[in-house]
């Protein structure tokens, strides 16, 4: 051990020729680097020291056993310093996180009230229209091989019926805010009926027949000022849950707030 590298903090100790040769082979050391022969006190270029050497024998491996690293010299313009790649985030995971964050954010009405429940009548409440649309589309498929014109007419009728059902469903809004229960309906002109939470006298839930078996119910809301039904939520899912939500709003903030 007689060679000491200049300004090389990675290998501060004394090295042998075999050590220098191994470091050069691993690209951990450049042939143009300087080293000092501690026995003679003279400086040498590493390439001169290991010139003509054969690879060290496997039976006597050199003592240098450090992870190799690549050294880039400033005099080589083609070599660019490489940094370890950063962990790339999954774009699909980002989209899912954004959707979950949007779903968790509360909704507010135009008047600034927090909306605790917003829904439309269930699709099953329009089962007749949906069944008619299904029959039209089925007829279009059967007529396709016989007469394309009739098949096209039948298919357009089925699509038109489905669009009409969708418009009719979305024209009825059932809204529960922190202050009122409101029913809004209409397509071109929008009408509404509402009852303040503090004025609600009774809440009645009706689940009948096949719709009841399928989880659909009707919620009737009555106020203390009149004897009749003020607001009716027809054919909604989890009607009992909506009723309990309104009761919690009467007592204060609903659970989970």
C-alpha atoms as a PDB file:
ATOM      1  CA  UNK A   1       0.000   0.000   0.000  1.00  0.00           C
ATOM      2  CA  UNK A   2       1.937   2.975  -1.236  1.00  0.00           C
ATOM      3  CA  UNK A   3      -0.344   5.231  -3.312  1.00  0.00           C
ATOM      4  CA  UNK A   4      -2.442   8.098  -1.993  1.00  0.00           C
ATOM      5  CA  UNK A   5      -5.040   9.791  -4.204  1.00  0.00           C
ATOM      6  CA  UNK A   6      -5.180  13.595  -4.410  1.00  0.00           C
ATOM      7  CA  UNK A   7      -8.383  15.294  -3.229  1.00  0.00           C
ATOM      8  CA  UNK A   8     -10.397  12.105  -3.404  1.00  0.00           C
ATOM      9  CA  UNK A   9     -12.515  11.895  -0.198  1.00  0.00           C
ATOM     10  CA  UNK A  10     -14.123   8.635  -1.274  1.00  0.00           C
ATOM     11  CA  UNK A  11     -10.790   6.777  -0.982  1.00  0.00           C
ATOM     12  CA  UNK A  12      -8.713   8.642   1.612  1.00  0.00           C
ATOM     13  CA  UNK A  13      -6.444   5.738   2.588  1.00  0.00           C
ATOM     14  CA  UNK A  14      -3.445   4.102   0.987  1.00  0.00           C
ATOM     15  CA  UNK A  15      -4.073   1.969  -2.096  1.00  0.00           C
ATOM     16  CA  UNK A  16      -2.139  -0.618  -4.025  1.00  0.00           C
ATOM     17  CA  UNK A  17      -1.695  -0.901  -7.784  1.00  0.00           C
ATOM     18  CA  UNK A  18      -4.392  -3.562  -7.849  1.00  0.00           C
ATOM     19  CA  UNK A  19      -6.730  -1.186  -6.045  1.00  0.00           C
ATOM     20  CA  UNK A  20      -6.056   1.557  -8.572  1.00  0.00           C
ATOM     21  CA  UNK A  21      -6.558  -0.839 -11.473  1.00  0.00           C
ATOM     22  CA  UNK A  22      -9.896  -2.025 -10.075  1.00  0.00           C
ATOM     23  CA  UNK A  23     -11.147   1.518  -9.487  1.00  0.00           C
ATOM     24  CA  UNK A  24     -10.311   2.474 -13.072  1.00  0.00           C
ATOM     25  CA  UNK A  25     -12.039  -0.637 -14.425  1.00  0.00           C
ATOM     26  CA  UNK A  26     -15.140   0.230 -12.404  1.00  0.00           C
ATOM     27  CA  UNK A  27     -15.067   3.830 -13.725  1.00  0.00           C
ATOM     28  CA  UNK A  28     -14.696   5.038 -10.142  1.00  0.00           C
ATOM     29  CA  UNK A  29     -11.349   6.608 -10.966  1.00  0.00           C
ATOM     30  CA  UNK A  30      -9.985   8.298 -14.068  1.00  0.00           C
ATOM     31  CA  UNK A  31      -6.600   7.468 -15.592  1.00  0.00           C
ATOM     32  CA  UNK A  32      -5.716  11.158 -15.558  1.00  0.00           C
ATOM     33  CA  UNK A  33      -6.130  11.523 -11.783  1.00  0.00           C
ATOM     34  CA  UNK A  34      -3.057  12.159  -9.679  1.00  0.00           C
ATOM     35  CA  UNK A  35      -1.719   9.944  -6.921  1.00  0.00           C
ATOM     36  CA  UNK A  36       1.361  10.149  -4.691  1.00  0.00           C
ATOM     37  CA  UNK A  37       3.860   7.393  -4.096  1.00  0.00           C
ATOM     38  CA  UNK A  38       4.339   7.709  -0.330  1.00  0.00           C
ATOM     39  CA  UNK A  39       7.623   5.810  -0.479  1.00  0.00           C
ATOM     40  CA  UNK A  40       9.304   8.154  -2.955  1.00  0.00           C
ATOM     41  CA  UNK A  41       7.133  11.235  -2.411  1.00  0.00           C
ATOM     42  CA  UNK A  42       6.651  11.674  -6.134  1.00  0.00           C
ATOM     43  CA  UNK A  43       3.354  12.337  -7.902  1.00  0.00           C
ATOM     44  CA  UNK A  44       2.196  10.086 -10.706  1.00  0.00           C
ATOM     45  CA  UNK A  45      -0.772   9.831 -13.043  1.00  0.00           C
ATOM     46  CA  UNK A  46      -2.887   6.791 -12.275  1.00  0.00           C
ATOM     47  CA  UNK A  47      -2.658   5.683 -15.906  1.00  0.00           C
ATOM     48  CA  UNK A  48       1.145   5.547 -15.662  1.00  0.00           C
ATOM     49  CA  UNK A  49       1.035   3.485 -12.471  1.00  0.00           C
ATOM     50  CA  UNK A  50      -1.274   0.804 -13.849  1.00  0.00           C
ATOM     51  CA  UNK A  51       0.158   0.842 -17.380  1.00  0.00           C
ATOM     52  CA  UNK A  52       0.779  -2.694 -18.630  1.00  0.00           C
ATOM     53  CA  UNK A  53      -0.867  -4.341 -15.615  1.00  0.00           C
ATOM     54  CA  UNK A  54      -2.931  -7.483 -15.938  1.00  0.00           C
ATOM     55  CA  UNK A  55      -6.297  -7.847 -14.184  1.00  0.00           C
ATOM     56  CA  UNK A  56      -5.902  -8.952 -10.550  1.00  0.00           C
ATOM     57  CA  UNK A  57      -6.262 -12.679  -9.963  1.00  0.00           C
ATOM     58  CA  UNK A  58      -9.586 -13.909  -8.654  1.00  0.00           C
ATOM     59  CA  UNK A  59      -7.818 -15.795  -5.867  1.00  0.00           C
ATOM     60  CA  UNK A  60      -6.456 -12.541  -4.465  1.00  0.00           C
ATOM     61  CA  UNK A  61      -9.091  -9.879  -5.074  1.00  0.00           C
ATOM     62  CA  UNK A  62      -8.227  -6.270  -4.238  1.00  0.00           C
ATOM     63  CA  UNK A  63      -9.396  -4.836  -0.974  1.00  0.00           C
ATOM     64  CA  UNK A  64     -11.432  -2.053  -2.614  1.00  0.00           C
ATOM     65  CA  UNK A  65     -15.049  -3.125  -2.327  1.00  0.00           C
ATOM     66  CA  UNK A  66     -17.158  -0.033  -2.658  1.00  0.00           C
ATOM     67  CA  UNK A  67     -20.158   0.577  -4.945  1.00  0.00           C
ATOM     68  CA  UNK A  68     -19.038   1.939  -8.262  1.00  0.00           C
ATOM     69  CA  UNK A  69     -20.072   5.406  -9.313  1.00  0.00           C
ATOM     70  CA  UNK A  70     -19.615   7.220 -12.600  1.00  0.00           C
ATOM     71  CA  UNK A  71     -17.474  10.319 -12.580  1.00  0.00           C
ATOM     72  CA  UNK A  72     -18.130  13.062 -15.128  1.00  0.00           C
ATOM     73  CA  UNK A  73     -15.334  15.423 -15.966  1.00  0.00           C
ATOM     74  CA  UNK A  74     -15.877  19.084 -16.814  1.00  0.00           C
ATOM     75  CA  UNK A  75     -13.704  18.826 -19.942  1.00  0.00           C
ATOM     76  CA  UNK A  76     -16.105  16.377 -21.625  1.00  0.00           C
ATOM     77  CA  UNK A  77     -19.115  18.283 -23.063  1.00  0.00           C
ATOM     78  CA  UNK A  78     -20.907  15.107 -24.136  1.00  0.00           C
ATOM     79  CA  UNK A  79     -21.292  13.767 -20.636  1.00  0.00           C
ATOM     80  CA  UNK A  80     -24.276  15.086 -18.689  1.00  0.00           C
ATOM     81  CA  UNK A  81     -24.710  14.594 -15.017  1.00  0.00           C
ATOM     82  CA  UNK A  82     -27.460  12.118 -14.345  1.00  0.00           C
ATOM     83  CA  UNK A  83     -29.638  12.221 -11.294  1.00  0.00           C
ATOM     84  CA  UNK A  84     -31.624   9.308  -9.962  1.00  0.00           C
ATOM     85  CA  UNK A  85     -35.158   9.298 -11.376  1.00  0.00           C
ATOM     86  CA  UNK A  86     -37.775  10.657  -9.064  1.00  0.00           C
ATOM     87  CA  UNK A  87     -40.797   8.622  -8.216  1.00  0.00           C
ATOM     88  CA  UNK A  88     -43.479   9.351 -10.796  1.00  0.00           C
ATOM     89  CA  UNK A  89     -47.014   9.645  -9.529  1.00  0.00           C
ATOM     90  CA  UNK A  90     -49.701   7.532 -11.126  1.00  0.00           C
ATOM     91  CA  UNK A  91     -52.025   9.816 -13.158  1.00  0.00           C
ATOM     92  CA  UNK A  92     -54.971   7.466 -12.583  1.00  0.00           C
ATOM     93  CA  UNK A  93     -54.411   7.650  -8.823  1.00  0.00           C
ATOM     94  CA  UNK A  94     -54.338  11.453  -9.039  1.00  0.00           C
ATOM     95  CA  UNK A  95     -57.669  11.484 -10.917  1.00  0.00           C
ATOM     96  CA  UNK A  96     -59.261   9.156  -8.374  1.00  0.00           C
ATOM     97  CA  UNK A  97     -57.968  11.301  -5.504  1.00  0.00           C
ATOM     98  CA  UNK A  98     -59.404  14.440  -7.123  1.00  0.00           C
ATOM     99  CA  UNK A  99     -62.772  12.736  -7.652  1.00  0.00           C
ATOM    100  CA  UNK A 100     -62.884  11.593  -4.038  1.00  0.00           C
ATOM    101  CA  UNK A 101     -61.958  15.092  -2.863  1.00  0.00           C
ATOM    102  CA  UNK A 102     -64.737  16.613  -4.973  1.00  0.00           C
ATOM    103  CA  UNK A 103     -67.219  14.058  -3.664  1.00  0.00           C
ATOM    104  CA  UNK A 104     -66.295  14.920  -0.067  1.00  0.00           C
ATOM    105  CA  UNK A 105     -66.792  18.645  -0.582  1.00  0.00           C
ATOM    106  CA  UNK A 106     -70.256  19.869   0.514  1.00  0.00           C
ATOM    107  CA  UNK A 107     -72.691  21.368  -1.997  1.00  0.00           C
ATOM    108  CA  UNK A 108     -74.499  24.649  -1.433  1.00  0.00           C
ATOM    109  CA  UNK A 109     -77.659  26.155  -2.853  1.00  0.00           C
ATOM    110  CA  UNK A 110     -77.847  29.538  -4.572  1.00  0.00           C
ATOM    111  CA  UNK A 111     -78.891  31.092  -1.269  1.00  0.00           C
ATOM    112  CA  UNK A 112     -75.808  29.683   0.481  1.00  0.00           C
ATOM    113  CA  UNK A 113     -77.513  26.826   2.341  1.00  0.00           C
ATOM    114  CA  UNK A 114     -75.708  23.517   2.577  1.00  0.00           C
ATOM    115  CA  UNK A 115     -77.430  20.757   0.611  1.00  0.00           C
ATOM    116  CA  UNK A 116     -77.655  17.565   2.646  1.00  0.00           C
ATOM    117  CA  UNK A 117     -79.719  15.606   0.149  1.00  0.00           C
ATOM    118  CA  UNK A 118     -80.303  15.999  -3.588  1.00  0.00           C
ATOM    119  CA  UNK A 119     -81.983  13.380  -5.742  1.00  0.00           C
ATOM    120  CA  UNK A 120     -84.400  12.642  -8.572  1.00  0.00           C
ATOM    121  CA  UNK A 121     -87.125  10.012  -8.808  1.00  0.00           C
ATOM    122  CA  UNK A 122     -85.681   6.547  -9.331  1.00  0.00           C
ATOM    123  CA  UNK A 123     -85.423   5.154 -12.851  1.00  0.00           C
ATOM    124  CA  UNK A 124     -87.825   2.379 -11.895  1.00  0.00           C
ATOM    125  CA  UNK A 125     -90.609   4.915 -11.408  1.00  0.00           C
ATOM    126  CA  UNK A 126     -90.561   5.307 -15.211  1.00  0.00           C
ATOM    127  CA  UNK A 127     -90.588   1.615 -15.936  1.00  0.00           C
ATOM    128  CA  UNK A 128     -93.315   1.887 -18.574  1.00  0.00           C
ATOM    129  CA  UNK A 129     -91.331   4.335 -20.686  1.00  0.00           C
ATOM    130  CA  UNK A 130     -88.144   2.326 -20.242  1.00  0.00           C
ATOM    131  CA  UNK A 131     -89.958  -0.852 -21.232  1.00  0.00           C
ATOM    132  CA  UNK A 132     -91.338   0.848 -24.357  1.00  0.00           C
ATOM    133  CA  UNK A 133     -87.847   2.061 -25.296  1.00  0.00           C
ATOM    134  CA  UNK A 134     -86.532  -1.470 -24.822  1.00  0.00           C
ATOM    135  CA  UNK A 135     -89.246  -2.896 -27.100  1.00  0.00           C
ATOM    136  CA  UNK A 136     -88.462  -0.325 -29.800  1.00  0.00           C
ATOM    137  CA  UNK A 137     -84.758  -1.119 -29.712  1.00  0.00           C
ATOM    138  CA  UNK A 138     -85.477  -4.840 -29.712  1.00  0.00           C
ATOM    139  CA  UNK A 139     -87.765  -4.426 -32.730  1.00  0.00           C
ATOM    140  CA  UNK A 140     -85.043  -2.432 -34.485  1.00  0.00           C
ATOM    141  CA  UNK A 141     -82.627  -5.308 -34.000  1.00  0.00           C
ATOM    142  CA  UNK A 142     -85.135  -7.827 -35.365  1.00  0.00           C
ATOM    143  CA  UNK A 143     -86.058  -5.652 -38.364  1.00  0.00           C
ATOM    144  CA  UNK A 144     -82.464  -4.916 -39.283  1.00  0.00           C
ATOM    145  CA  UNK A 145     -82.181  -8.036 -41.424  1.00  0.00           C
ATOM    146  CA  UNK A 146     -85.598  -7.473 -43.065  1.00  0.00           C
ATOM    147  CA  UNK A 147     -85.916  -3.768 -43.710  1.00  0.00           C
ATOM    148  CA  UNK A 148     -83.262  -1.275 -42.697  1.00  0.00           C
ATOM    149  CA  UNK A 149     -85.637   1.683 -43.023  1.00  0.00           C
ATOM    150  CA  UNK A 150     -88.151   0.294 -40.518  1.00  0.00           C
ATOM    151  CA  UNK A 151     -85.300  -0.778 -38.265  1.00  0.00           C
ATOM    152  CA  UNK A 152     -83.947   2.788 -38.288  1.00  0.00           C
ATOM    153  CA  UNK A 153     -87.368   4.255 -37.481  1.00  0.00           C
ATOM    154  CA  UNK A 154     -87.880   1.803 -34.633  1.00  0.00           C
ATOM    155  CA  UNK A 155     -84.411   2.507 -33.250  1.00  0.00           C
ATOM    156  CA  UNK A 156     -84.945   6.273 -33.393  1.00  0.00           C
ATOM    157  CA  UNK A 157     -88.266   5.867 -31.580  1.00  0.00           C
ATOM    158  CA  UNK A 158     -86.563   3.864 -28.834  1.00  0.00           C
ATOM    159  CA  UNK A 159     -83.843   6.494 -28.415  1.00  0.00           C
ATOM    160  CA  UNK A 160     -86.427   9.285 -28.405  1.00  0.00           C
ATOM    161  CA  UNK A 161     -88.481   7.552 -25.697  1.00  0.00           C
ATOM    162  CA  UNK A 162     -85.389   7.030 -23.541  1.00  0.00           C
ATOM    163  CA  UNK A 163     -84.366  10.693 -23.923  1.00  0.00           C
ATOM    164  CA  UNK A 164     -87.886  11.746 -22.960  1.00  0.00           C
ATOM    165  CA  UNK A 165     -87.784   9.573 -19.837  1.00  0.00           C
ATOM    166  CA  UNK A 166     -84.388  10.997 -18.892  1.00  0.00           C
ATOM    167  CA  UNK A 167     -85.643  14.579 -19.308  1.00  0.00           C
ATOM    168  CA  UNK A 168     -88.780  13.832 -17.275  1.00  0.00           C
ATOM    169  CA  UNK A 169     -86.716  12.289 -14.475  1.00  0.00           C
ATOM    170  CA  UNK A 170     -84.221  15.156 -14.305  1.00  0.00           C
ATOM    171  CA  UNK A 171     -87.006  17.748 -14.279  1.00  0.00           C
ATOM    172  CA  UNK A 172     -87.956  16.698 -10.708  1.00  0.00           C
ATOM    173  CA  UNK A 173     -85.503  17.684  -7.963  1.00  0.00           C
ATOM    174  CA  UNK A 174     -85.771  16.650  -4.308  1.00  0.00           C
ATOM    175  CA  UNK A 175     -83.655  18.871  -2.069  1.00  0.00           C
ATOM    176  CA  UNK A 176     -83.000  18.898   1.670  1.00  0.00           C
ATOM    177  CA  UNK A 177     -80.917  21.769   3.027  1.00  0.00           C
ATOM    178  CA  UNK A 178     -80.051  22.820   6.559  1.00  0.00           C
ATOM    179  CA  UNK A 179     -83.121  25.114   6.599  1.00  0.00           C
ATOM    180  CA  UNK A 180     -85.768  23.707   4.268  1.00  0.00           C
ATOM    181  CA  UNK A 181     -87.193  20.732   2.355  1.00  0.00           C
ATOM    182  CA  UNK A 182     -87.907  21.657  -1.249  1.00  0.00           C
ATOM    183  CA  UNK A 183     -89.445  20.055  -4.334  1.00  0.00           C
ATOM    184  CA  UNK A 184     -88.601  21.677  -7.688  1.00  0.00           C
ATOM    185  CA  UNK A 185     -90.132  20.597 -10.983  1.00  0.00           C
ATOM    186  CA  UNK A 186     -90.453  21.772 -14.586  1.00  0.00           C
ATOM    187  CA  UNK A 187     -88.460  21.881 -17.809  1.00  0.00           C
ATOM    188  CA  UNK A 188     -88.783  25.330 -19.361  1.00  0.00           C
ATOM    189  CA  UNK A 189     -90.382  26.982 -16.360  1.00  0.00           C
ATOM    190  CA  UNK A 190     -89.321  25.822 -12.910  1.00  0.00           C
ATOM    191  CA  UNK A 191     -91.818  25.675 -10.034  1.00  0.00           C
ATOM    192  CA  UNK A 192     -91.136  24.795  -6.429  1.00  0.00           C
ATOM    193  CA  UNK A 193     -92.732  23.999  -3.084  1.00  0.00           C
ATOM    194  CA  UNK A 194     -90.897  24.069   0.197  1.00  0.00           C
ATOM    195  CA  UNK A 195     -91.305  23.638   3.933  1.00  0.00           C
ATOM    196  CA  UNK A 196     -88.980  25.058   6.549  1.00  0.00           C
ATOM    197  CA  UNK A 197     -87.318  22.482   8.770  1.00  0.00           C
ATOM    198  CA  UNK A 198     -88.557  24.204  11.912  1.00  0.00           C
ATOM    199  CA  UNK A 199     -92.190  24.117  10.651  1.00  0.00           C
ATOM    200  CA  UNK A 200     -92.347  20.396   9.823  1.00  0.00           C
ATOM    201  CA  UNK A 201     -95.070  18.655  11.782  1.00  0.00           C
ATOM    202  CA  UNK A 202     -95.031  15.138  10.362  1.00  0.00           C
ATOM    203  CA  UNK A 203     -92.949  12.919   8.085  1.00  0.00           C
ATOM    204  CA  UNK A 204     -94.645   9.900   6.511  1.00  0.00           C
ATOM    205  CA  UNK A 205     -92.949   7.200   4.468  1.00  0.00           C
ATOM    206  CA  UNK A 206     -94.862   4.873   2.153  1.00  0.00           C
ATOM    207  CA  UNK A 207     -93.388   1.729   0.603  1.00  0.00           C
ATOM    208  CA  UNK A 208     -95.878  -0.392  -1.296  1.00  0.00           C
ATOM    209  CA  UNK A 209     -95.953  -3.315  -3.682  1.00  0.00           C
ATOM    210  CA  UNK A 210     -93.154  -4.158  -6.049  1.00  0.00           C
ATOM    211  CA  UNK A 211     -91.552  -0.729  -5.741  1.00  0.00           C
ATOM    212  CA  UNK A 212     -91.323  -1.223  -1.983  1.00  0.00           C
ATOM    213  CA  UNK A 213     -89.618  -4.581  -2.497  1.00  0.00           C
ATOM    214  CA  UNK A 214     -87.142  -2.860  -4.814  1.00  0.00           C
ATOM    215  CA  UNK A 215     -86.310  -0.234  -2.160  1.00  0.00           C
ATOM    216  CA  UNK A 216     -88.396   2.666  -3.482  1.00  0.00           C
ATOM    217  CA  UNK A 217     -90.571   4.775  -1.212  1.00  0.00           C
ATOM    218  CA  UNK A 218     -92.497   8.019  -1.010  1.00  0.00           C
ATOM    219  CA  UNK A 219     -91.838  10.650   1.663  1.00  0.00           C
ATOM    220  CA  UNK A 220     -94.656  13.051   2.582  1.00  0.00           C
ATOM    221  CA  UNK A 221     -93.751  16.222   4.465  1.00  0.00           C
ATOM    222  CA  UNK A 222     -96.436  18.207   6.300  1.00  0.00           C
ATOM    223  CA  UNK A 223     -96.120  21.492   8.146  1.00  0.00           C
ATOM    224  CA  UNK A 224     -97.861  22.802  11.226  1.00  0.00           C
ATOM    225  CA  UNK A 225     -99.640  25.502   9.234  1.00  0.00           C
ATOM    226  CA  UNK A 226    -101.742  23.198   7.031  1.00  0.00           C
ATOM    227  CA  UNK A 227    -103.422  19.833   7.385  1.00  0.00           C
ATOM    228  CA  UNK A 228    -102.415  18.553   3.948  1.00  0.00           C
ATOM    229  CA  UNK A 229     -99.132  17.385   2.436  1.00  0.00           C
ATOM    230  CA  UNK A 230     -96.808  20.244   1.612  1.00  0.00           C
ATOM    231  CA  UNK A 231     -93.948  18.441  -0.123  1.00  0.00           C
ATOM    232  CA  UNK A 232     -93.827  14.913  -1.523  1.00  0.00           C
ATOM    233  CA  UNK A 233     -90.717  13.014  -2.589  1.00  0.00           C
ATOM    234  CA  UNK A 234     -92.068  10.281  -4.872  1.00  0.00           C
ATOM    235  CA  UNK A 235     -90.246   7.040  -5.652  1.00  0.00           C
ATOM    236  CA  UNK A 236     -86.933   7.795  -3.972  1.00  0.00           C
ATOM    237  CA  UNK A 237     -84.399   5.336  -2.656  1.00  0.00           C
ATOM    238  CA  UNK A 238     -83.731   5.059   1.083  1.00  0.00           C
ATOM    239  CA  UNK A 239     -86.792   7.088   1.999  1.00  0.00           C
ATOM    240  CA  UNK A 240     -86.429   6.181   5.684  1.00  0.00           C
ATOM    241  CA  UNK A 241     -82.836   7.440   5.634  1.00  0.00           C
ATOM    242  CA  UNK A 242     -83.963  10.791   4.209  1.00  0.00           C
ATOM    243  CA  UNK A 243     -86.649  10.989   6.903  1.00  0.00           C
ATOM    244  CA  UNK A 244     -84.058  10.379   9.627  1.00  0.00           C
ATOM    245  CA  UNK A 245     -81.836  13.060   8.070  1.00  0.00           C
ATOM    246  CA  UNK A 246     -84.642  15.612   8.339  1.00  0.00           C
ATOM    247  CA  UNK A 247     -85.273  14.635  11.963  1.00  0.00           C
ATOM    248  CA  UNK A 248     -81.596  15.142  12.744  1.00  0.00           C
ATOM    249  CA  UNK A 249     -81.716  18.568  11.102  1.00  0.00           C
ATOM    250  CA  UNK A 250     -84.660  19.446  13.350  1.00  0.00           C
ATOM    251  CA  UNK A 251     -82.574  18.531  16.407  1.00  0.00           C
ATOM    252  CA  UNK A 252     -79.445  20.232  15.111  1.00  0.00           C
ATOM    253  CA  UNK A 253     -76.578  19.214  12.812  1.00  0.00           C
ATOM    254  CA  UNK A 254     -76.928  15.691  11.368  1.00  0.00           C
ATOM    255  CA  UNK A 255     -74.617  12.946  12.562  1.00  0.00           C
ATOM    256  CA  UNK A 256     -71.223  12.922  10.910  1.00  0.00           C
ATOM    257  CA  UNK A 257     -70.997  16.723  10.722  1.00  0.00           C
END
